[in-house]
């Protein structure tokens, strides 16, 4: 199936929102080499605020729309995680890594990840997990960066694999492993959560750790 056709089908309205498969500046998201992955996103795109065609245009950064532009229009006050995601992506770019998608194990929005267990979100949780799995199959990233223990747990449960746990301190260094999912093999790097308040517990050494991870990813992509 053509990639955009797939994304169009996967992002049809669900529980009053459009599932959001990614945030990126790329015009060709299928060319991404790196995924930055959280558990699920907090901010939803209401079907009452935007139509599906505009949502698709924003996802592919075309026709005057952008992923970030639409997000900022709907949410002038971004999620508390967004600045940390932006900072990490800027560090990756400084290391020469620009083919990046920010995505989630469950590409469906709830205020808190724990809300996915509520009855009204079960269909969204199922579809959101399918979206992430389809992205892995269609894009085949070389590196998948999971941030936060909850994300690691969700990833393991969905794909029946094991991944390391994030560094507990700066001396732990970079935690990574090779993982195979649906005949796709990639490197998984795990980092502490970028979402406050968990981020606050390691913010004193976050800059150095994220710079080291960025350099590591750049070296992997060169090999």
N, C-alpha and C. Protein backbone atom coordinates (compact mmCIF):
# COMPACT_ATOMS: atom_id res chain seq x y z
N UNK A 1 0.84 -1.19 0.00
CA UNK A 1 0.00 0.00 0.00
C UNK A 1 0.88 1.25 0.00
N UNK A 2 0.50 2.23 -0.78
CA UNK A 2 1.21 3.50 -0.81
C UNK A 2 1.25 4.09 0.60
N UNK A 3 2.38 4.66 0.96
CA UNK A 3 2.59 5.12 2.33
C UNK A 3 1.54 6.15 2.76
N UNK A 4 1.29 7.14 1.93
CA UNK A 4 0.32 8.15 2.33
C UNK A 4 -1.09 7.57 2.45
N UNK A 5 -1.43 6.63 1.58
CA UNK A 5 -2.73 5.98 1.69
C UNK A 5 -2.85 5.26 3.03
N UNK A 6 -1.78 4.59 3.42
CA UNK A 6 -1.76 3.92 4.72
C UNK A 6 -1.97 4.91 5.85
N UNK A 7 -1.23 6.01 5.82
CA UNK A 7 -1.34 7.01 6.89
C UNK A 7 -2.74 7.63 6.90
N UNK A 8 -3.31 7.86 5.74
CA UNK A 8 -4.66 8.40 5.67
C UNK A 8 -5.66 7.46 6.34
N UNK A 9 -5.52 6.18 6.10
CA UNK A 9 -6.43 5.21 6.70
C UNK A 9 -6.24 5.11 8.20
N UNK A 10 -5.00 5.19 8.65
CA UNK A 10 -4.70 5.02 10.06
C UNK A 10 -5.06 6.25 10.90
N UNK A 11 -5.24 7.39 10.26
CA UNK A 11 -5.49 8.63 11.01
C UNK A 11 -6.92 9.13 10.85
N UNK A 12 -7.83 8.25 10.50
CA UNK A 12 -9.24 8.63 10.47
C UNK A 12 -9.72 8.96 11.88
N UNK A 13 -10.76 9.80 12.00
CA UNK A 13 -11.22 10.21 13.32
C UNK A 13 -11.52 9.04 14.25
N UNK A 14 -11.14 9.20 15.51
CA UNK A 14 -11.35 8.17 16.51
C UNK A 14 -11.57 8.84 17.86
N UNK A 15 -12.73 8.59 18.44
CA UNK A 15 -13.06 9.18 19.75
C UNK A 15 -12.90 10.70 19.77
N UNK A 16 -13.27 11.34 18.65
CA UNK A 16 -13.25 12.79 18.60
C UNK A 16 -11.91 13.42 18.28
N UNK A 17 -10.91 12.59 17.96
CA UNK A 17 -9.59 13.13 17.64
C UNK A 17 -9.02 12.43 16.42
N UNK A 18 -8.01 13.08 15.81
CA UNK A 18 -7.23 12.43 14.77
C UNK A 18 -5.97 11.84 15.40
N UNK A 19 -5.76 10.54 15.29
CA UNK A 19 -4.50 9.98 15.77
C UNK A 19 -3.32 10.70 15.12
N UNK A 20 -2.27 10.95 15.90
CA UNK A 20 -1.10 11.66 15.40
C UNK A 20 0.09 10.71 15.34
N UNK A 21 0.50 10.29 14.15
CA UNK A 21 1.58 9.31 14.06
C UNK A 21 2.95 9.88 14.35
N UNK A 22 3.15 11.19 14.17
CA UNK A 22 4.50 11.73 14.36
C UNK A 22 4.48 13.25 14.44
N UNK A 23 5.62 13.75 14.86
CA UNK A 23 5.99 15.16 14.74
C UNK A 23 7.34 15.18 14.02
N UNK A 24 7.46 15.94 12.96
CA UNK A 24 8.71 16.00 12.21
C UNK A 24 8.75 17.24 11.34
N UNK A 25 9.96 17.64 10.98
CA UNK A 25 10.14 18.70 10.00
C UNK A 25 10.37 18.13 8.61
N UNK A 26 10.44 16.81 8.49
CA UNK A 26 10.72 16.18 7.21
C UNK A 26 9.52 16.26 6.27
N UNK A 27 9.79 16.51 5.00
CA UNK A 27 8.73 16.47 3.99
C UNK A 27 8.49 15.06 3.50
N UNK A 28 9.45 14.19 3.72
CA UNK A 28 9.29 12.78 3.34
C UNK A 28 9.53 11.93 4.59
N UNK A 29 8.53 11.83 5.46
CA UNK A 29 8.71 11.11 6.73
C UNK A 29 9.16 9.66 6.55
N UNK A 30 8.84 9.07 5.43
CA UNK A 30 9.23 7.67 5.24
C UNK A 30 10.75 7.51 5.14
N UNK A 31 11.48 8.61 4.95
CA UNK A 31 12.94 8.56 4.86
C UNK A 31 13.62 8.68 6.22
N UNK A 32 12.84 8.71 7.29
CA UNK A 32 13.42 8.87 8.62
C UNK A 32 14.36 7.71 8.95
N UNK A 33 15.43 8.03 9.64
CA UNK A 33 16.40 7.03 10.08
C UNK A 33 16.33 6.80 11.60
N UNK A 34 15.74 7.77 12.31
CA UNK A 34 15.73 7.72 13.77
C UNK A 34 14.33 8.05 14.27
N UNK A 35 13.84 7.25 15.22
CA UNK A 35 12.60 7.54 15.93
C UNK A 35 12.94 7.95 17.36
N UNK A 36 12.35 9.03 17.84
CA UNK A 36 12.34 9.36 19.27
C UNK A 36 10.96 8.98 19.77
N UNK A 37 10.90 8.07 20.73
CA UNK A 37 9.62 7.44 21.07
C UNK A 37 9.26 7.65 22.53
N UNK A 38 8.03 8.14 22.76
CA UNK A 38 7.46 8.21 24.09
C UNK A 38 6.37 7.16 24.24
N UNK A 39 5.66 7.21 25.35
CA UNK A 39 4.59 6.24 25.59
C UNK A 39 3.36 6.59 24.74
N UNK A 40 2.80 7.77 24.96
CA UNK A 40 1.75 8.31 24.09
C UNK A 40 1.69 9.81 24.29
N UNK A 41 1.11 10.54 23.34
CA UNK A 41 1.14 11.99 23.39
C UNK A 41 -0.01 12.53 24.24
N UNK A 42 0.22 13.70 24.81
CA UNK A 42 -0.77 14.31 25.69
C UNK A 42 -1.79 15.17 24.94
N UNK A 43 -1.35 15.85 23.90
CA UNK A 43 -2.21 16.81 23.21
C UNK A 43 -2.90 16.15 22.02
N UNK A 44 -4.23 16.29 21.97
CA UNK A 44 -4.97 15.69 20.87
C UNK A 44 -5.39 16.74 19.85
N UNK A 45 -5.61 16.30 18.62
CA UNK A 45 -6.09 17.17 17.56
C UNK A 45 -7.59 16.90 17.39
N UNK A 46 -8.46 17.79 17.91
CA UNK A 46 -9.90 17.55 17.86
C UNK A 46 -10.44 17.60 16.43
N UNK A 47 -11.36 16.73 16.13
CA UNK A 47 -11.96 16.75 14.79
C UNK A 47 -12.77 18.01 14.57
N UNK A 48 -13.16 18.68 15.64
CA UNK A 48 -13.92 19.92 15.52
C UNK A 48 -13.04 21.11 15.17
N UNK A 49 -11.72 20.96 15.29
CA UNK A 49 -10.81 22.08 15.08
C UNK A 49 -10.09 22.04 13.74
N UNK A 50 -10.02 20.86 13.11
CA UNK A 50 -9.25 20.72 11.87
C UNK A 50 -9.82 19.57 11.06
N UNK A 51 -9.83 19.69 9.72
CA UNK A 51 -10.33 18.57 8.93
C UNK A 51 -9.18 17.61 8.59
N UNK A 52 -9.55 16.45 8.09
CA UNK A 52 -8.56 15.39 7.88
C UNK A 52 -7.55 15.76 6.81
N UNK A 53 -7.98 16.42 5.75
CA UNK A 53 -7.03 16.80 4.69
C UNK A 53 -5.96 17.75 5.23
N UNK A 54 -6.37 18.69 6.06
CA UNK A 54 -5.39 19.61 6.64
C UNK A 54 -4.45 18.86 7.58
N UNK A 55 -4.98 17.94 8.32
CA UNK A 55 -4.15 17.12 9.20
C UNK A 55 -3.08 16.38 8.39
N UNK A 56 -3.47 15.79 7.27
CA UNK A 56 -2.51 15.09 6.42
C UNK A 56 -1.47 16.04 5.84
N UNK A 57 -1.92 17.20 5.36
CA UNK A 57 -0.97 18.18 4.83
C UNK A 57 0.07 18.56 5.88
N UNK A 58 -0.39 18.75 7.12
CA UNK A 58 0.53 19.10 8.19
C UNK A 58 1.51 17.96 8.47
N UNK A 59 1.02 16.73 8.46
CA UNK A 59 1.90 15.59 8.72
C UNK A 59 3.03 15.53 7.70
N UNK A 60 2.74 15.90 6.45
CA UNK A 60 3.74 15.83 5.38
C UNK A 60 4.37 17.19 5.08
N UNK A 61 4.08 18.19 5.94
CA UNK A 61 4.70 19.52 5.82
C UNK A 61 4.59 20.08 4.40
N UNK A 62 3.36 20.24 3.94
CA UNK A 62 3.14 20.68 2.56
C UNK A 62 1.93 21.61 2.49
N UNK A 63 1.77 22.23 1.33
CA UNK A 63 0.62 23.10 1.08
C UNK A 63 0.44 24.16 2.17
N UNK A 64 1.58 24.68 2.64
CA UNK A 64 1.54 25.74 3.63
C UNK A 64 1.30 25.28 5.06
N UNK A 65 1.18 23.97 5.26
CA UNK A 65 0.97 23.43 6.59
C UNK A 65 2.22 22.73 7.08
N UNK A 66 2.41 22.71 8.38
CA UNK A 66 3.51 21.97 8.99
C UNK A 66 3.02 21.26 10.25
N UNK A 67 3.72 20.20 10.60
CA UNK A 67 3.39 19.50 11.84
C UNK A 67 3.39 20.47 13.02
N UNK A 68 4.49 21.21 13.14
CA UNK A 68 4.64 22.08 14.30
C UNK A 68 3.71 23.28 14.21
N UNK A 69 3.49 23.79 13.01
CA UNK A 69 2.61 24.94 12.86
C UNK A 69 1.20 24.63 13.32
N UNK A 70 0.67 23.47 12.95
CA UNK A 70 -0.67 23.11 13.36
C UNK A 70 -0.72 22.86 14.87
N UNK A 71 0.30 22.20 15.38
CA UNK A 71 0.36 21.96 16.83
C UNK A 71 0.35 23.28 17.59
N UNK A 72 1.20 24.22 17.16
CA UNK A 72 1.29 25.51 17.86
C UNK A 72 0.00 26.31 17.75
N UNK A 73 -0.68 26.18 16.61
CA UNK A 73 -1.96 26.87 16.45
C UNK A 73 -2.99 26.34 17.44
N UNK A 74 -3.04 25.03 17.58
CA UNK A 74 -4.03 24.42 18.47
C UNK A 74 -3.62 24.53 19.93
N UNK A 75 -2.31 24.57 20.17
CA UNK A 75 -1.80 24.58 21.55
C UNK A 75 -0.70 25.63 21.70
N UNK A 76 -1.07 26.91 21.83
CA UNK A 76 -0.06 27.96 22.04
C UNK A 76 0.79 27.68 23.27
N UNK A 77 0.22 26.98 24.25
CA UNK A 77 0.99 26.53 25.41
C UNK A 77 1.24 25.03 25.23
N UNK A 78 2.43 24.65 24.80
CA UNK A 78 2.69 23.25 24.47
C UNK A 78 2.73 22.37 25.72
N UNK A 79 2.78 21.07 25.50
CA UNK A 79 2.95 20.15 26.62
C UNK A 79 4.28 20.42 27.30
N UNK A 80 4.40 20.00 28.54
CA UNK A 80 5.64 20.23 29.29
C UNK A 80 6.80 19.40 28.73
N UNK A 81 6.47 18.36 27.99
CA UNK A 81 7.52 17.52 27.39
C UNK A 81 8.08 18.13 26.12
N UNK A 82 7.28 18.92 25.43
CA UNK A 82 7.66 19.42 24.11
C UNK A 82 9.00 20.16 24.10
N UNK A 83 9.30 21.08 25.03
CA UNK A 83 10.61 21.74 24.99
C UNK A 83 11.78 20.77 25.10
N UNK A 84 11.62 19.72 25.88
CA UNK A 84 12.70 18.74 26.03
C UNK A 84 12.88 17.91 24.76
N UNK A 85 11.79 17.58 24.11
CA UNK A 85 11.88 16.90 22.81
C UNK A 85 12.57 17.79 21.78
N UNK A 86 12.18 19.06 21.75
CA UNK A 86 12.81 19.99 20.81
C UNK A 86 14.31 20.11 21.08
N UNK A 87 14.67 20.21 22.36
CA UNK A 87 16.08 20.34 22.71
C UNK A 87 16.86 19.11 22.26
N UNK A 88 16.31 17.93 22.50
CA UNK A 88 17.00 16.71 22.10
C UNK A 88 17.15 16.64 20.59
N UNK A 89 16.09 16.98 19.86
CA UNK A 89 16.19 16.93 18.40
C UNK A 89 17.21 17.96 17.90
N UNK A 90 17.30 19.11 18.55
CA UNK A 90 18.32 20.09 18.17
C UNK A 90 19.73 19.55 18.40
N UNK A 91 19.92 18.81 19.47
CA UNK A 91 21.23 18.21 19.75
C UNK A 91 21.56 17.15 18.71
N UNK A 92 20.57 16.36 18.32
CA UNK A 92 20.78 15.39 17.25
C UNK A 92 21.18 16.10 15.96
N UNK A 93 20.48 17.19 15.63
CA UNK A 93 20.78 17.93 14.41
C UNK A 93 22.20 18.49 14.45
N UNK A 94 22.63 18.98 15.62
CA UNK A 94 23.98 19.51 15.75
C UNK A 94 25.03 18.43 15.51
N UNK A 95 24.66 17.17 15.78
CA UNK A 95 25.56 16.05 15.53
C UNK A 95 25.45 15.52 14.10
N UNK A 96 24.56 16.15 13.30
CA UNK A 96 24.39 15.74 11.91
C UNK A 96 23.25 14.78 11.66
N UNK A 97 22.40 14.57 12.66
CA UNK A 97 21.27 13.63 12.55
C UNK A 97 19.99 14.44 12.38
N UNK A 98 19.44 14.44 11.18
CA UNK A 98 18.25 15.27 10.90
C UNK A 98 17.05 14.48 10.42
N UNK A 99 17.24 13.23 10.03
CA UNK A 99 16.12 12.41 9.54
C UNK A 99 15.43 11.75 10.72
N UNK A 100 14.66 12.56 11.46
CA UNK A 100 14.12 12.15 12.76
C UNK A 100 12.60 12.29 12.78
N UNK A 101 11.93 11.28 13.35
CA UNK A 101 10.51 11.36 13.67
C UNK A 101 10.35 11.28 15.18
N UNK A 102 9.57 12.17 15.74
CA UNK A 102 9.12 12.02 17.11
C UNK A 102 7.79 11.27 17.07
N UNK A 103 7.70 10.15 17.76
CA UNK A 103 6.49 9.34 17.71
C UNK A 103 6.26 8.70 19.07
N UNK A 104 5.33 7.75 19.15
CA UNK A 104 4.97 7.12 20.41
C UNK A 104 4.61 5.66 20.21
N UNK A 105 4.80 4.86 21.24
CA UNK A 105 4.40 3.46 21.18
C UNK A 105 2.89 3.36 20.92
N UNK A 106 2.16 4.30 21.49
CA UNK A 106 0.72 4.40 21.22
C UNK A 106 0.46 5.79 20.64
N UNK A 107 0.16 5.85 19.35
CA UNK A 107 -0.06 7.13 18.66
C UNK A 107 -1.52 7.55 18.80
N UNK A 108 -1.87 7.86 20.04
CA UNK A 108 -3.23 8.28 20.38
C UNK A 108 -3.11 9.09 21.65
N UNK A 109 -3.86 10.18 21.72
CA UNK A 109 -3.65 11.15 22.80
C UNK A 109 -4.56 10.93 24.00
N UNK A 110 -3.95 10.97 25.18
CA UNK A 110 -4.70 11.07 26.44
C UNK A 110 -3.91 11.99 27.36
N UNK A 111 -4.58 12.56 28.34
CA UNK A 111 -3.92 13.51 29.23
C UNK A 111 -2.76 12.86 29.96
N UNK A 112 -2.97 11.63 30.43
CA UNK A 112 -1.93 10.85 31.10
C UNK A 112 -1.89 9.47 30.45
N UNK A 113 -0.70 8.86 30.40
CA UNK A 113 -0.58 7.53 29.81
C UNK A 113 -1.48 6.52 30.51
N UNK A 114 -1.65 6.67 31.81
CA UNK A 114 -2.50 5.74 32.56
C UNK A 114 -3.94 5.77 32.09
N UNK A 115 -4.36 6.88 31.46
CA UNK A 115 -5.74 6.99 30.98
C UNK A 115 -6.03 6.01 29.85
N UNK A 116 -5.00 5.48 29.23
CA UNK A 116 -5.22 4.51 28.15
C UNK A 116 -5.94 3.26 28.64
N UNK A 117 -5.91 3.02 29.94
CA UNK A 117 -6.59 1.85 30.50
C UNK A 117 -8.09 2.06 30.66
N UNK A 118 -8.54 3.30 30.51
CA UNK A 118 -9.96 3.59 30.67
C UNK A 118 -10.75 3.06 29.47
N UNK A 119 -11.98 2.65 29.73
CA UNK A 119 -12.81 2.01 28.72
C UNK A 119 -12.97 2.86 27.47
N UNK A 120 -13.15 4.17 27.65
CA UNK A 120 -13.40 5.03 26.49
C UNK A 120 -12.18 5.19 25.59
N UNK A 121 -11.01 4.75 26.08
CA UNK A 121 -9.79 4.89 25.28
C UNK A 121 -9.24 3.55 24.77
N UNK A 122 -9.94 2.47 25.00
CA UNK A 122 -9.41 1.16 24.60
C UNK A 122 -9.25 1.04 23.09
N UNK A 123 -10.22 1.54 22.33
CA UNK A 123 -10.11 1.49 20.87
C UNK A 123 -8.96 2.36 20.39
N UNK A 124 -8.79 3.53 21.02
CA UNK A 124 -7.68 4.40 20.67
C UNK A 124 -6.34 3.78 21.00
N UNK A 125 -6.29 3.10 22.13
CA UNK A 125 -5.04 2.42 22.50
C UNK A 125 -4.68 1.34 21.48
N UNK A 126 -5.67 0.58 21.04
CA UNK A 126 -5.42 -0.46 20.05
C UNK A 126 -4.96 0.12 18.73
N UNK A 127 -5.66 1.14 18.24
CA UNK A 127 -5.28 1.76 16.97
C UNK A 127 -3.95 2.48 17.09
N UNK A 128 -3.73 3.15 18.21
CA UNK A 128 -2.47 3.86 18.40
C UNK A 128 -1.28 2.93 18.38
N UNK A 129 -1.43 1.73 18.96
CA UNK A 129 -0.36 0.75 18.91
C UNK A 129 -0.15 0.22 17.51
N UNK A 130 -1.23 0.04 16.79
CA UNK A 130 -1.11 -0.44 15.41
C UNK A 130 -0.39 0.58 14.54
N UNK A 131 -0.69 1.86 14.76
CA UNK A 131 -0.03 2.91 13.97
C UNK A 131 1.48 2.83 14.16
N UNK A 132 1.93 2.73 15.40
CA UNK A 132 3.37 2.66 15.64
C UNK A 132 3.98 1.43 14.98
N UNK A 133 3.31 0.31 15.08
CA UNK A 133 3.83 -0.91 14.46
C UNK A 133 3.91 -0.76 12.94
N UNK A 134 2.91 -0.12 12.35
CA UNK A 134 2.92 0.09 10.89
C UNK A 134 4.05 1.05 10.50
N UNK A 135 4.33 2.04 11.33
CA UNK A 135 5.44 2.95 11.03
C UNK A 135 6.76 2.20 11.04
N UNK A 136 6.95 1.33 12.01
CA UNK A 136 8.19 0.54 12.05
C UNK A 136 8.34 -0.28 10.78
N UNK A 137 7.27 -0.93 10.35
CA UNK A 137 7.33 -1.79 9.16
C UNK A 137 7.56 -0.98 7.89
N UNK A 138 6.91 0.17 7.80
CA UNK A 138 6.98 0.95 6.56
C UNK A 138 8.28 1.74 6.44
N UNK A 139 8.82 2.21 7.56
CA UNK A 139 9.98 3.10 7.52
C UNK A 139 11.29 2.37 7.80
N UNK A 140 11.26 1.36 8.65
CA UNK A 140 12.47 0.59 9.01
C UNK A 140 13.59 1.50 9.52
N UNK A 141 13.38 2.19 10.62
CA UNK A 141 14.42 3.07 11.15
C UNK A 141 15.65 2.28 11.56
N UNK A 142 16.79 2.95 11.55
CA UNK A 142 18.03 2.30 11.99
C UNK A 142 18.20 2.38 13.50
N UNK A 143 17.64 3.45 14.10
CA UNK A 143 17.76 3.66 15.53
C UNK A 143 16.40 4.07 16.10
N UNK A 144 16.02 3.45 17.20
CA UNK A 144 14.79 3.81 17.92
C UNK A 144 15.20 4.20 19.33
N UNK A 145 14.90 5.43 19.73
CA UNK A 145 15.26 5.94 21.05
C UNK A 145 14.01 5.99 21.90
N UNK A 146 13.98 5.18 22.95
CA UNK A 146 12.85 5.14 23.87
C UNK A 146 13.18 6.00 25.08
N UNK A 147 12.29 6.93 25.43
CA UNK A 147 12.56 7.75 26.61
C UNK A 147 11.55 7.43 27.72
N UNK A 148 12.11 7.03 28.86
CA UNK A 148 11.29 6.75 30.02
C UNK A 148 11.04 5.26 30.24
N UNK A 149 10.98 4.87 31.50
CA UNK A 149 10.74 3.46 31.84
C UNK A 149 9.37 3.01 31.35
N UNK A 150 8.37 3.87 31.48
CA UNK A 150 7.04 3.50 31.00
C UNK A 150 7.02 3.20 29.52
N UNK A 151 7.78 3.95 28.74
CA UNK A 151 7.88 3.68 27.30
C UNK A 151 8.54 2.33 27.05
N UNK A 152 9.61 2.05 27.79
CA UNK A 152 10.27 0.75 27.66
C UNK A 152 9.29 -0.39 27.96
N UNK A 153 8.52 -0.23 29.04
CA UNK A 153 7.55 -1.26 29.41
C UNK A 153 6.51 -1.45 28.30
N UNK A 154 5.99 -0.35 27.76
CA UNK A 154 4.97 -0.44 26.72
C UNK A 154 5.53 -1.08 25.45
N UNK A 155 6.77 -0.72 25.10
CA UNK A 155 7.42 -1.29 23.92
C UNK A 155 7.60 -2.79 24.09
N UNK A 156 8.09 -3.21 25.25
CA UNK A 156 8.29 -4.64 25.51
C UNK A 156 6.99 -5.41 25.44
N UNK A 157 5.95 -4.86 26.02
CA UNK A 157 4.66 -5.55 26.04
C UNK A 157 4.08 -5.68 24.64
N UNK A 158 4.21 -4.62 23.84
CA UNK A 158 3.61 -4.66 22.50
C UNK A 158 4.33 -5.63 21.57
N UNK A 159 5.65 -5.72 21.69
CA UNK A 159 6.42 -6.49 20.72
C UNK A 159 7.04 -7.77 21.30
N UNK A 160 6.78 -8.03 22.58
CA UNK A 160 7.30 -9.24 23.22
C UNK A 160 8.81 -9.36 23.07
N UNK A 161 9.49 -8.27 23.39
CA UNK A 161 10.95 -8.22 23.36
C UNK A 161 11.42 -7.61 24.68
N UNK A 162 12.72 -7.70 24.93
CA UNK A 162 13.31 -7.08 26.09
C UNK A 162 14.26 -5.97 25.66
N UNK A 163 14.23 -4.86 26.38
CA UNK A 163 15.15 -3.76 26.11
C UNK A 163 15.79 -3.36 27.44
N UNK A 164 16.95 -2.72 27.41
CA UNK A 164 17.57 -2.27 28.67
C UNK A 164 16.70 -1.22 29.35
N UNK A 165 17.08 -0.88 30.56
CA UNK A 165 16.43 0.23 31.26
C UNK A 165 17.34 1.45 31.17
N UNK A 166 16.75 2.65 31.22
CA UNK A 166 17.55 3.87 31.07
C UNK A 166 18.61 4.00 32.15
N UNK A 167 19.64 4.76 31.84
CA UNK A 167 20.69 5.04 32.81
C UNK A 167 20.10 5.68 34.06
N UNK A 168 20.57 5.23 35.21
CA UNK A 168 20.11 5.80 36.48
C UNK A 168 20.96 6.99 36.89
N UNK A 169 22.17 7.08 36.31
CA UNK A 169 23.06 8.20 36.60
C UNK A 169 24.00 8.37 35.42
N UNK A 170 24.76 9.42 35.42
CA UNK A 170 25.62 9.74 34.27
C UNK A 170 26.67 8.66 34.05
N UNK A 171 27.13 8.03 35.13
CA UNK A 171 28.17 7.01 35.01
C UNK A 171 27.69 5.75 34.30
N UNK A 172 26.39 5.54 34.23
CA UNK A 172 25.86 4.35 33.55
C UNK A 172 26.09 4.40 32.04
N UNK A 173 26.29 5.59 31.50
CA UNK A 173 26.55 5.72 30.07
C UNK A 173 25.33 5.43 29.22
N UNK A 174 25.57 5.07 27.97
CA UNK A 174 24.50 4.84 27.00
C UNK A 174 24.04 3.39 27.09
N UNK A 175 22.73 3.20 27.24
CA UNK A 175 22.15 1.86 27.33
C UNK A 175 21.48 1.54 26.01
N UNK A 176 21.89 0.45 25.37
CA UNK A 176 21.31 0.12 24.07
C UNK A 176 21.38 -1.39 23.82
N UNK A 177 20.61 -1.83 22.82
CA UNK A 177 20.64 -3.23 22.40
C UNK A 177 20.09 -3.33 21.00
N UNK A 178 20.40 -4.43 20.33
CA UNK A 178 19.83 -4.71 19.01
C UNK A 178 18.51 -5.46 19.22
N UNK A 179 17.49 -5.05 18.50
CA UNK A 179 16.15 -5.62 18.67
C UNK A 179 15.59 -5.98 17.30
N UNK A 180 14.90 -7.11 17.23
CA UNK A 180 14.23 -7.53 15.99
C UNK A 180 12.72 -7.53 16.24
N UNK A 181 12.01 -6.81 15.39
CA UNK A 181 10.55 -6.73 15.46
C UNK A 181 9.99 -6.95 14.07
N UNK A 182 9.18 -7.97 13.90
CA UNK A 182 8.55 -8.23 12.60
C UNK A 182 9.58 -8.25 11.46
N UNK A 183 10.67 -8.98 11.68
CA UNK A 183 11.73 -9.13 10.68
C UNK A 183 12.51 -7.85 10.41
N UNK A 184 12.34 -6.83 11.24
CA UNK A 184 13.10 -5.60 11.14
C UNK A 184 14.05 -5.54 12.33
N UNK A 185 15.32 -5.31 12.07
CA UNK A 185 16.30 -5.22 13.14
C UNK A 185 16.82 -3.79 13.23
N UNK A 186 16.87 -3.26 14.43
CA UNK A 186 17.35 -1.90 14.63
C UNK A 186 17.95 -1.79 16.01
N UNK A 187 18.69 -0.71 16.24
CA UNK A 187 19.25 -0.46 17.56
C UNK A 187 18.24 0.31 18.40
N UNK A 188 18.00 -0.18 19.59
CA UNK A 188 17.18 0.54 20.56
C UNK A 188 18.11 1.19 21.58
N UNK A 189 17.97 2.50 21.75
CA UNK A 189 18.68 3.24 22.79
C UNK A 189 17.64 3.70 23.79
N UNK A 190 17.91 3.48 25.07
CA UNK A 190 16.96 3.90 26.10
C UNK A 190 17.57 5.04 26.90
N UNK A 191 16.77 6.07 27.12
CA UNK A 191 17.21 7.22 27.90
C UNK A 191 16.15 7.51 28.96
N UNK A 192 16.52 8.22 30.03
CA UNK A 192 15.50 8.61 31.02
C UNK A 192 14.42 9.47 30.38
N UNK A 193 13.33 9.60 31.08
CA UNK A 193 12.17 10.29 30.54
C UNK A 193 12.45 11.76 30.22
N UNK A 194 11.89 12.21 29.11
CA UNK A 194 11.93 13.63 28.76
C UNK A 194 10.71 14.37 29.27
N UNK A 195 9.81 13.64 29.93
CA UNK A 195 8.57 14.23 30.42
C UNK A 195 8.69 14.59 31.90
N UNK A 196 8.48 15.86 32.25
CA UNK A 196 8.43 16.20 33.68
C UNK A 196 7.24 15.49 34.34
N UNK A 197 7.31 15.19 35.64
CA UNK A 197 8.40 15.56 36.56
C UNK A 197 9.59 14.60 36.53
N UNK A 198 9.47 13.45 35.84
CA UNK A 198 10.58 12.49 35.83
C UNK A 198 11.85 13.12 35.27
N UNK A 199 11.70 13.99 34.26
CA UNK A 199 12.88 14.64 33.68
C UNK A 199 13.66 15.43 34.71
N UNK A 200 12.95 16.03 35.66
CA UNK A 200 13.61 16.88 36.65
C UNK A 200 14.62 16.11 37.49
N UNK A 201 14.42 14.81 37.61
CA UNK A 201 15.31 14.01 38.46
C UNK A 201 16.68 13.77 37.82
N UNK A 202 16.79 14.01 36.51
CA UNK A 202 18.10 13.81 35.87
C UNK A 202 18.52 15.02 35.05
N UNK A 203 17.82 16.13 35.21
CA UNK A 203 18.09 17.31 34.40
C UNK A 203 19.51 17.85 34.59
N UNK A 204 20.13 17.60 35.74
CA UNK A 204 21.47 18.14 36.00
C UNK A 204 22.51 17.56 35.06
N UNK A 205 22.29 16.34 34.58
CA UNK A 205 23.25 15.73 33.65
C UNK A 205 22.63 15.40 32.29
N UNK A 206 21.41 15.89 32.06
CA UNK A 206 20.71 15.58 30.81
C UNK A 206 21.44 16.11 29.59
N UNK A 207 21.96 17.34 29.66
CA UNK A 207 22.63 17.92 28.50
C UNK A 207 23.79 17.03 28.04
N UNK A 208 24.61 16.62 28.97
CA UNK A 208 25.78 15.81 28.61
C UNK A 208 25.36 14.44 28.09
N UNK A 209 24.35 13.87 28.71
CA UNK A 209 23.90 12.54 28.28
C UNK A 209 23.29 12.60 26.88
N UNK A 210 22.46 13.60 26.63
CA UNK A 210 21.81 13.71 25.32
C UNK A 210 22.83 14.03 24.23
N UNK A 211 23.86 14.81 24.55
CA UNK A 211 24.92 15.06 23.58
C UNK A 211 25.67 13.76 23.27
N UNK A 212 25.92 12.96 24.28
CA UNK A 212 26.60 11.68 24.06
C UNK A 212 25.76 10.74 23.23
N UNK A 213 24.47 10.70 23.51
CA UNK A 213 23.56 9.86 22.72
C UNK A 213 23.53 10.35 21.27
N UNK A 214 23.49 11.65 21.08
CA UNK A 214 23.45 12.21 19.72
C UNK A 214 24.70 11.83 18.93
N UNK A 215 25.86 11.92 19.57
CA UNK A 215 27.10 11.52 18.91
C UNK A 215 27.10 10.03 18.59
N UNK A 216 26.57 9.23 19.50
CA UNK A 216 26.47 7.78 19.30
C UNK A 216 25.59 7.47 18.09
N UNK A 217 24.43 8.13 18.03
CA UNK A 217 23.52 7.89 16.91
C UNK A 217 24.17 8.30 15.58
N UNK A 218 24.82 9.44 15.57
CA UNK A 218 25.50 9.90 14.34
C UNK A 218 26.52 8.89 13.87
N UNK A 219 27.28 8.31 14.81
CA UNK A 219 28.29 7.30 14.44
C UNK A 219 27.62 6.05 13.89
N UNK A 220 26.50 5.64 14.49
CA UNK A 220 25.80 4.45 14.00
C UNK A 220 25.29 4.66 12.58
N UNK A 221 24.79 5.84 12.29
CA UNK A 221 24.25 6.10 10.95
C UNK A 221 25.35 6.17 9.90
N UNK A 222 26.57 6.49 10.32
CA UNK A 222 27.69 6.53 9.37
C UNK A 222 28.19 5.13 9.03
N UNK A 223 27.96 4.17 9.89
CA UNK A 223 28.47 2.80 9.69
C UNK A 223 27.57 1.99 8.77
